[in-house]
Amino acid sequence: MVTTLLLIMIVFLILGFPMMIPLILAPLVIVLFFLPQVQPFLMIQQMMSGISEPILLAVPLFIFAADIMSMGKTSNRLLDFVGSFVGHLRGGYAITTAAACTLFGSISGSTQGTVVAIGTPMRERLLKVGYKDSTAIALIINASDVALLVPPSIGMIIYGLISQTSVGDLFIAGILPGLLIFAFFALYAWLHARIFKIPLAVKATWKERFQFTWKAVFPLMFPVIIIGGIYQGFFSPTEAAGISVLYALLLELVVFRSFSIKKVPGIALSTGLVTSAVFILVAGGQAFAFTMSITGIPGMIADTFLSGSPGPIEVLIIVSIFFFVGCMFVDPIVVILVLTPIFLPAANAAGVDPVHLGVIVTFQAALGSATPPFGVDIFTASAVFNRSYLDTIRGTPPFIVMMLIVCVLLIAFPEISLFLLPE
């Protein structure tokens, strides 16, 4: 059964089918031909139950808010604001890119959305000051992955749903790891610029800084309202998602007037298409996980890799390896859906805090999204920038190494994730 399950997945992926097809088809074949005691209609029930949780309402709302701001002026205002303060420093444009990706990630929660919104304008700026295209693209891809860690993170919403962990706590726990990644990227940008003698940009005047800061006040208030409201207990993550849509609409339609209300239905349609793909993956992941539990695959994996009562660090290392490798080949949402139920019991038994586990899982999803051979952000960047696959991945190794160093720090020091959580 296990061989058949994996063979179906591999064959359909090689044939070019979208991930949702083998994700649903493989468990259905197993139920029809190998598990006659299981009624096929149970698969439909499992798929429907997978998308019936109220917390999932936050996903389309956060995506909608991000789409609205991507259509408007938010990303450019953030870029101008950050660039006015650090653009003139050694490696300033690269630091600006990393900072803007972090800030926009705290608005969108989507790595691919951040690649498009921040990467498109910043790539041109990086090329103008002397960066190689491969370095610029690699920076954009990996800095965009911070969007999976800083709130509102769609990956954390999915993990919270599966593990029954507070999404609000997960959001808060992702802040320091996200900032730590930014610090590593900023340091690398400074060193790279010194070594390769990247020219300095023109320093902005204080008058220009004030102007850019004033223009960026409202976009910068977005993460303050969302994170602060959740942290203080004013509203739940789902309510925060609804508020984010209202805030985005007011910002772009009333304050910035970046587009007319006539474009909102088109933005909503785009959001609906993305949301439908996410929800189909979630539904298929639930059916896949259900089939795996019946076949005993989780127990086999646990007995093989987690036998002998491993400690917290050993469990987190094994979890990191599985999620990292999985996200190199498959969409991160699918990997979180399939692997979390397998490793969560062992992590709980080893005394791993479920919030810290969620940060590690989401971190590996972010890392795998930008790692060859099939990281999803690689193909997004390749399409957006019209570059070949090899050109897109050429500059990624230094960033992967830095992300792995951060992962080691997160495993060794759980306080990085848990420090900001309320007592």
Protein backbone atom coordinates (compact mmCIF):
# COMPACT_ATOMS: atom_id res chain seq x y z
CA MET A 1 0.00 0.00 0.00
CA VAL A 2 2.75 2.41 0.92
CA THR A 3 4.54 1.74 -2.37
CA THR A 4 1.34 2.25 -4.34
CA LEU A 5 0.56 5.47 -2.49
CA LEU A 6 3.99 6.95 -3.19
CA LEU A 7 4.09 5.64 -6.77
CA ILE A 8 0.81 7.34 -7.66
CA MET A 9 2.03 10.61 -6.15
CA ILE A 10 5.37 10.50 -7.99
CA VAL A 11 3.96 9.46 -11.38
CA PHE A 12 1.29 12.16 -11.45
CA LEU A 13 3.74 14.84 -10.34
CA ILE A 14 6.21 13.79 -13.05
CA LEU A 15 3.39 13.96 -15.60
CA GLY A 16 2.85 17.57 -14.62
CA PHE A 17 -0.45 17.34 -12.75
CA PRO A 18 -1.05 19.95 -10.04
CA MET A 19 -0.40 18.74 -6.51
CA MET A 20 -4.09 18.59 -5.62
CA ILE A 21 -4.74 15.74 -8.11
CA PRO A 22 -2.37 13.06 -6.71
CA LEU A 23 -3.06 14.29 -3.18
CA ILE A 24 -6.72 13.32 -3.55
CA LEU A 25 -6.39 10.47 -6.05
CA ALA A 26 -3.70 8.47 -4.22
CA PRO A 27 -5.65 7.93 -0.96
CA LEU A 28 -8.84 7.27 -2.93
CA VAL A 29 -7.13 4.45 -4.86
CA ILE A 30 -5.84 2.96 -1.62
CA VAL A 31 -9.33 3.00 -0.09
CA LEU A 32 -11.00 1.51 -3.18
CA PHE A 33 -8.53 -1.31 -3.82
CA PHE A 34 -6.73 -2.03 -0.54
CA LEU A 35 -9.14 -1.04 2.24
CA PRO A 36 -12.55 -2.54 1.44
CA GLN A 37 -13.63 -2.05 5.06
CA VAL A 38 -13.52 1.72 4.54
CA GLN A 39 -16.50 3.22 2.73
CA PRO A 40 -15.45 5.65 -0.05
CA PHE A 41 -17.93 8.29 1.17
CA LEU A 42 -15.77 8.64 4.29
CA MET A 43 -13.15 10.28 2.11
CA ILE A 44 -15.65 13.00 1.18
CA GLN A 45 -16.51 13.45 4.85
CA GLN A 46 -12.84 13.79 5.72
CA MET A 47 -12.28 16.35 2.98
CA MET A 48 -15.27 18.42 4.11
CA SER A 49 -14.23 18.24 7.75
CA GLY A 50 -10.78 19.45 6.78
CA ILE A 51 -12.14 22.77 5.52
CA SER A 52 -14.97 23.28 8.00
CA GLU A 53 -12.91 24.74 10.85
CA PRO A 54 -13.79 28.40 11.61
CA ILE A 55 -10.11 29.41 11.87
CA LEU A 56 -9.77 28.80 8.11
CA LEU A 57 -11.93 31.87 7.50
CA ALA A 58 -8.80 33.87 8.26
CA VAL A 59 -7.01 32.49 5.18
CA PRO A 60 -9.11 34.09 2.40
CA LEU A 61 -9.45 37.31 4.40
CA PHE A 62 -5.69 37.73 4.86
CA ILE A 63 -5.13 36.84 1.19
CA PHE A 64 -7.76 39.40 0.16
CA ALA A 65 -6.14 42.12 2.28
CA ALA A 66 -2.72 41.29 0.77
CA ASP A 67 -4.13 41.38 -2.78
CA ILE A 68 -5.69 44.77 -2.14
CA MET A 69 -2.40 46.20 -0.88
CA SER A 70 -0.44 44.58 -3.71
CA MET A 71 -2.71 46.32 -6.20
CA GLY A 72 -2.25 49.64 -4.40
CA LYS A 73 0.70 51.73 -3.25
CA THR A 74 1.59 49.98 0.00
CA SER A 75 4.66 48.08 -1.22
CA ASN A 76 6.25 51.13 -2.88
CA ARG A 77 5.65 53.28 0.19
CA LEU A 78 7.34 50.68 2.38
CA LEU A 79 10.29 50.48 -0.02
CA ASP A 80 10.71 54.27 -0.11
CA PHE A 81 10.48 54.49 3.68
CA VAL A 82 13.09 51.81 4.40
CA GLY A 83 15.35 52.92 1.56
CA SER A 84 15.44 56.51 2.77
CA PHE A 85 17.06 55.39 6.03
CA VAL A 86 19.37 52.54 4.97
CA GLY A 87 19.66 52.82 1.19
CA HIS A 88 22.87 54.86 1.38
CA LEU A 89 24.64 52.36 3.65
CA ARG A 90 27.01 49.68 2.37
CA GLY A 91 24.64 47.05 1.00
CA GLY A 92 21.76 49.43 1.65
CA TYR A 93 19.56 48.35 -1.25
CA ALA A 94 19.90 44.69 -0.28
CA ILE A 95 19.09 45.57 3.34
CA THR A 96 16.11 47.56 2.09
CA THR A 97 14.92 44.52 0.16
CA ALA A 98 15.17 42.25 3.21
CA ALA A 99 13.46 44.80 5.47
CA ALA A 100 10.68 45.51 2.98
CA CYS A 101 10.04 41.78 2.51
CA THR A 102 9.80 41.39 6.29
CA LEU A 103 7.39 44.32 6.58
CA PHE A 104 5.25 43.24 3.63
CA GLY A 105 5.26 39.69 4.97
CA SER A 106 3.67 41.05 8.14
CA ILE A 107 0.87 42.31 5.89
CA SER A 108 0.41 39.53 3.37
CA GLY A 109 1.42 36.28 5.10
CA SER A 110 2.30 34.94 1.65
CA THR A 111 5.81 34.25 0.36
CA GLN A 112 4.74 34.27 -3.28
CA GLY A 113 2.81 37.52 -2.86
CA THR A 114 5.89 39.12 -1.32
CA VAL A 115 8.09 37.94 -4.21
CA VAL A 116 5.78 39.74 -6.63
CA ALA A 117 5.01 42.89 -4.62
CA ILE A 118 8.53 43.64 -3.33
CA GLY A 119 10.68 41.70 -5.78
CA THR A 120 9.44 43.38 -8.94
CA PRO A 121 10.46 46.96 -8.04
CA MET A 122 13.51 46.03 -5.92
CA ARG A 123 15.15 43.81 -8.53
CA GLU A 124 15.51 46.76 -10.86
CA ARG A 125 17.01 48.91 -8.08
CA LEU A 126 19.48 46.19 -7.12
CA LEU A 127 20.62 45.72 -10.70
CA LYS A 128 21.15 49.46 -11.16
CA VAL A 129 23.60 49.68 -8.24
CA GLY A 130 25.70 46.74 -9.43
CA TYR A 131 24.26 43.51 -8.02
CA LYS A 132 24.32 40.38 -10.15
CA ASP A 133 20.86 39.27 -11.19
CA SER A 134 21.33 35.85 -9.55
CA THR A 135 22.19 37.49 -6.21
CA ALA A 136 19.26 39.90 -6.43
CA ILE A 137 16.76 37.14 -7.21
CA ALA A 138 18.13 34.84 -4.49
CA LEU A 139 17.84 37.64 -1.92
CA ILE A 140 14.26 38.39 -2.96
CA ILE A 141 13.21 34.73 -2.83
CA ASN A 142 14.72 34.01 0.57
CA ALA A 143 13.79 37.31 2.21
CA SER A 144 10.21 36.76 1.04
CA ASP A 145 10.12 33.50 2.97
CA VAL A 146 10.09 35.50 6.19
CA ALA A 147 6.41 36.07 5.33
CA LEU A 148 5.73 32.50 6.47
CA LEU A 149 7.10 33.27 9.94
CA VAL A 150 5.93 36.78 10.76
CA PRO A 151 2.20 37.19 11.37
CA PRO A 152 -0.22 36.81 9.69
CA SER A 153 1.24 33.51 8.46
CA ILE A 154 -0.99 31.20 6.45
CA GLY A 155 1.35 28.29 7.27
CA MET A 156 0.89 28.92 11.00
CA ILE A 157 -2.89 29.01 10.57
CA ILE A 158 -2.78 25.57 8.94
CA TYR A 159 -0.45 24.19 11.63
CA GLY A 160 -2.64 25.65 14.38
CA LEU A 161 -5.69 24.01 12.85
CA ILE A 162 -4.08 20.56 12.75
CA SER A 163 -2.36 20.70 16.14
CA GLN A 164 -5.12 22.60 17.96
CA THR A 165 -2.55 25.21 18.98
CA SER A 166 -3.45 28.86 19.54
CA VAL A 167 -2.92 30.70 16.25
CA GLY A 168 -2.50 33.94 18.18
CA ASP A 169 0.39 32.45 20.16
CA LEU A 170 1.92 31.11 16.95
CA PHE A 171 1.73 34.54 15.35
CA ILE A 172 3.53 36.15 18.28
CA ALA A 173 6.12 33.36 18.47
CA GLY A 174 7.10 33.92 14.85
CA ILE A 175 8.11 37.56 15.33
CA LEU A 176 11.61 37.12 16.82
CA PRO A 177 12.63 34.27 14.46
CA GLY A 178 11.54 36.41 11.52
CA LEU A 179 13.58 39.36 12.77
CA LEU A 180 16.56 37.05 13.38
CA ILE A 181 16.48 35.95 9.73
CA PHE A 182 16.34 39.58 8.65
CA ALA A 183 19.39 40.37 10.85
CA PHE A 184 21.40 37.56 9.21
CA PHE A 185 20.41 38.72 5.72
CA ALA A 186 21.26 42.33 6.55
CA LEU A 187 24.71 41.33 7.85
CA TYR A 188 25.31 39.25 4.73
CA ALA A 189 24.22 42.17 2.54
CA TRP A 190 26.73 44.45 4.25
CA LEU A 191 29.59 41.92 3.90
CA HIS A 192 28.72 41.11 0.29
CA ALA A 193 28.67 44.79 -0.65
CA ARG A 194 32.08 45.37 0.95
CA ILE A 195 33.67 42.34 -0.71
CA PHE A 196 32.27 43.07 -4.19
CA LYS A 197 32.54 46.87 -3.80
CA ILE A 198 28.91 47.62 -4.55
CA PRO A 199 28.58 51.41 -5.05
CA LEU A 200 26.82 53.45 -2.39
CA ALA A 201 23.46 55.00 -3.21
CA VAL A 202 22.67 58.68 -2.73
CA LYS A 203 21.85 59.52 0.88
CA ALA A 204 18.34 60.83 1.43
CA THR A 205 17.90 64.17 3.18
CA TRP A 206 16.03 64.37 6.48
CA LYS A 207 13.28 66.23 4.67
CA GLU A 208 12.90 63.29 2.25
CA ARG A 209 12.99 60.82 5.14
CA PHE A 210 10.23 62.71 6.90
CA GLN A 211 8.15 62.72 3.72
CA PHE A 212 8.62 58.98 3.12
CA THR A 213 7.93 58.22 6.77
CA TRP A 214 4.72 60.21 6.66
CA LYS A 215 3.61 58.36 3.53
CA ALA A 216 4.40 55.00 5.16
CA VAL A 217 2.63 55.66 8.48
CA PHE A 218 -0.62 53.97 7.51
CA PRO A 219 1.00 50.84 5.97
CA LEU A 220 3.23 50.52 9.04
CA MET A 221 0.16 50.65 11.28
CA PHE A 222 -1.17 47.47 9.65
CA PRO A 223 1.05 44.97 11.56
CA VAL A 224 0.77 47.10 14.71
CA ILE A 225 -3.03 46.83 14.66
CA ILE A 226 -3.09 43.12 13.80
CA ILE A 227 -0.31 41.92 16.10
CA GLY A 228 -1.11 44.36 18.89
CA GLY A 229 -4.80 43.51 18.81
CA ILE A 230 -4.14 39.77 19.01
CA TYR A 231 -1.43 40.21 21.67
CA GLN A 232 -3.70 42.34 23.85
CA GLY A 233 -6.64 40.01 23.36
CA PHE A 234 -8.84 42.59 21.63
CA PHE A 235 -9.71 40.19 18.82
CA SER A 236 -9.02 36.67 17.57
CA PRO A 237 -6.88 35.89 14.50
CA THR A 238 -10.03 35.40 12.41
CA GLU A 239 -11.43 38.74 13.56
CA ALA A 240 -8.02 40.29 12.86
CA ALA A 241 -8.25 38.98 9.30
CA GLY A 242 -11.60 40.72 8.83
CA ILE A 243 -10.18 43.95 10.25
CA SER A 244 -7.21 43.67 7.89
CA VAL A 245 -9.54 43.64 4.86
CA LEU A 246 -11.42 46.69 6.12
CA TYR A 247 -8.16 48.51 6.85
CA ALA A 248 -6.71 47.63 3.44
CA LEU A 249 -9.83 48.88 1.64
CA LEU A 250 -9.89 52.14 3.58
CA LEU A 251 -6.18 52.62 2.97
CA GLU A 252 -6.15 52.04 -0.78
CA LEU A 253 -9.61 53.37 -1.71
CA VAL A 254 -10.01 56.33 0.64
CA VAL A 255 -6.55 57.41 1.86
CA PHE A 256 -4.26 56.61 -1.10
CA ARG A 257 -6.96 56.42 -3.80
CA SER A 258 -4.65 54.08 -5.68
CA PHE A 259 -7.51 52.44 -7.60
CA SER A 260 -11.27 52.70 -7.93
CA ILE A 261 -13.86 50.55 -6.22
CA LYS A 262 -14.65 49.03 -9.63
CA LYS A 263 -11.44 46.97 -9.38
CA VAL A 264 -12.39 45.36 -6.07
CA PRO A 265 -14.51 42.55 -7.66
CA GLY A 266 -11.53 41.62 -9.85
CA ILE A 267 -9.24 41.52 -6.81
CA ALA A 268 -11.83 39.42 -4.99
CA LEU A 269 -11.94 36.99 -7.92
CA SER A 270 -8.15 36.61 -7.80
CA THR A 271 -8.38 35.98 -4.06
CA GLY A 272 -11.10 33.41 -4.63
CA LEU A 273 -8.94 31.50 -7.11
CA VAL A 274 -5.98 31.40 -4.73
CA THR A 275 -8.21 30.49 -1.78
CA SER A 276 -9.87 27.67 -3.69
CA ALA A 277 -6.46 26.17 -4.46
CA VAL A 278 -5.45 26.43 -0.79
CA PHE A 279 -8.71 24.88 0.43
CA ILE A 280 -8.52 22.01 -2.07
CA LEU A 281 -5.02 21.28 -0.77
CA VAL A 282 -6.29 21.39 2.81
CA ALA A 283 -9.20 19.07 1.99
CA GLY A 284 -6.95 16.68 0.11
CA GLY A 285 -4.39 16.78 2.90
CA GLN A 286 -7.05 15.78 5.42
CA ALA A 287 -8.08 12.80 3.26
CA PHE A 288 -4.42 11.86 2.76
CA ALA A 289 -3.70 12.04 6.50
CA PHE A 290 -6.82 9.96 7.23
CA THR A 291 -5.72 7.25 4.81
CA MET A 292 -2.20 7.22 6.22
CA SER A 293 -3.52 6.80 9.76
CA ILE A 294 -5.62 3.78 8.70
CA THR A 295 -2.67 2.15 6.95
CA GLY A 296 -0.43 2.65 9.98
CA ILE A 297 2.20 4.66 8.10
CA PRO A 298 2.60 7.25 10.89
CA GLY A 299 3.34 4.47 13.36
CA MET A 300 5.91 2.95 11.01
CA ILE A 301 7.69 6.29 10.63
CA ALA A 302 7.59 6.91 14.36
CA ASP A 303 8.94 3.45 15.15
CA THR A 304 11.73 3.87 12.61
CA PHE A 305 12.91 7.38 13.41
CA LEU A 306 11.55 8.18 16.87
CA SER A 307 12.06 4.97 18.80
CA GLY A 308 13.86 4.93 22.13
CA SER A 309 12.19 7.98 23.71
CA PRO A 310 14.26 10.72 22.03
CA GLY A 311 14.67 14.06 23.77
CA PRO A 312 13.29 17.40 22.57
CA ILE A 313 16.36 18.35 20.54
CA GLU A 314 16.51 14.95 18.79
CA VAL A 315 12.81 15.20 17.92
CA LEU A 316 13.18 18.72 16.56
CA ILE A 317 16.17 17.71 14.43
CA ILE A 318 14.22 14.81 12.91
CA VAL A 319 11.18 17.04 12.37
CA SER A 320 13.38 19.66 10.70
CA ILE A 321 14.92 17.14 8.32
CA PHE A 322 11.57 15.68 7.26
CA PHE A 323 9.88 19.04 6.74
CA PHE A 324 12.89 20.57 4.99
CA VAL A 325 13.18 17.71 2.51
CA GLY A 326 9.41 17.52 2.04
CA CYS A 327 9.07 21.23 1.23
CA MET A 328 11.88 20.97 -1.31
CA PHE A 329 9.57 18.83 -3.42
CA VAL A 330 5.97 19.62 -2.41
CA ASP A 331 3.89 22.68 -1.55
CA PRO A 332 4.51 23.65 2.12
CA ILE A 333 0.81 23.54 2.97
CA VAL A 334 0.63 19.90 1.88
CA VAL A 335 3.74 18.98 3.88
CA ILE A 336 2.35 20.65 7.02
CA LEU A 337 -0.97 18.85 6.55
CA VAL A 338 0.58 15.43 6.02
CA LEU A 339 3.57 15.40 8.39
CA THR A 340 2.29 17.34 11.40
CA PRO A 341 -0.06 14.56 12.62
CA ILE A 342 2.85 12.09 12.33
CA PHE A 343 5.35 13.99 14.47
CA LEU A 344 3.08 15.90 16.86
CA PRO A 345 2.53 12.96 19.28
CA ALA A 346 6.28 12.26 19.52
CA ALA A 347 6.99 15.95 20.08
CA ASN A 348 4.37 16.13 22.83
CA ALA A 349 5.82 13.01 24.46
CA ALA A 350 9.30 14.56 24.39
CA GLY A 351 8.03 17.72 26.07
CA VAL A 352 8.37 20.02 23.06
CA ASP A 353 6.17 23.09 23.37
CA PRO A 354 3.58 22.89 20.56
CA VAL A 355 4.05 26.60 19.81
CA HIS A 356 7.81 26.15 19.44
CA LEU A 357 7.21 23.08 17.28
CA GLY A 358 4.93 25.21 15.09
CA VAL A 359 7.70 27.77 14.63
CA ILE A 360 10.17 25.04 13.63
CA VAL A 361 7.67 23.48 11.22
CA THR A 362 6.82 26.83 9.65
CA PHE A 363 10.50 27.77 9.46
CA GLN A 364 11.30 24.59 7.55
CA ALA A 365 8.35 25.24 5.26
CA ALA A 366 9.81 28.68 4.54
CA LEU A 367 13.28 27.28 3.95
CA GLY A 368 12.05 24.48 1.70
CA SER A 369 9.99 26.95 -0.35
CA ALA A 370 13.21 28.55 -1.59
CA THR A 371 15.37 25.43 -1.84
CA PRO A 372 16.03 23.49 -5.06
CA PRO A 373 14.94 21.38 -6.74
CA PHE A 374 11.23 22.25 -6.49
CA GLY A 375 10.81 25.05 -3.94
CA VAL A 376 7.61 26.85 -4.94
CA ASP A 377 9.11 30.35 -4.65
CA ILE A 378 11.83 29.43 -7.14
CA PHE A 379 9.26 28.85 -9.86
CA THR A 380 7.31 31.96 -8.84
CA ALA A 381 10.45 34.09 -9.19
CA SER A 382 11.42 32.38 -12.44
CA ALA A 383 8.01 33.26 -13.93
CA VAL A 384 7.83 36.80 -12.52
CA PHE A 385 11.37 37.77 -13.57
CA ASN A 386 11.40 35.72 -16.77
CA ARG A 387 14.63 33.97 -15.87
CA SER A 388 15.67 30.35 -16.38
CA TYR A 389 15.56 27.86 -13.53
CA LEU A 390 19.37 27.72 -13.26
CA ASP A 391 19.68 31.52 -13.21
CA THR A 392 17.06 31.67 -10.46
CA ILE A 393 18.77 29.20 -8.12
CA ARG A 394 22.39 30.19 -8.80
CA GLY A 395 22.63 32.65 -5.90
CA THR A 396 20.65 30.71 -3.29
CA PRO A 397 23.36 28.66 -1.45
CA PRO A 398 24.55 31.44 0.94
CA PHE A 399 20.98 32.16 2.00
CA ILE A 400 20.21 28.49 2.56
CA VAL A 401 23.29 28.22 4.79
CA MET A 402 22.17 31.25 6.82
CA MET A 403 18.69 29.83 7.22
CA LEU A 404 20.14 26.53 8.43
CA ILE A 405 22.22 28.42 11.02
CA VAL A 406 19.07 30.18 12.24
CA CYS A 407 17.32 26.80 12.43
CA VAL A 408 20.08 25.44 14.67
CA LEU A 409 19.69 28.47 16.94
CA LEU A 410 15.93 27.99 17.13
CA ILE A 411 16.32 24.32 18.06
CA ALA A 412 19.00 25.02 20.66
CA PHE A 413 17.27 28.05 22.17
CA PRO A 414 13.46 27.68 22.27
CA GLU A 415 13.31 31.00 24.13
CA ILE A 416 13.77 32.78 20.80
CA SER A 417 10.30 31.59 19.85
CA LEU A 418 8.63 31.70 23.25
CA PHE A 419 10.06 34.91 24.72
CA LEU A 420 7.24 37.24 23.62
CA LEU A 421 4.39 34.94 24.64
CA PRO A 422 2.29 36.27 27.51
CA GLU A 423 2.77 34.52 30.83
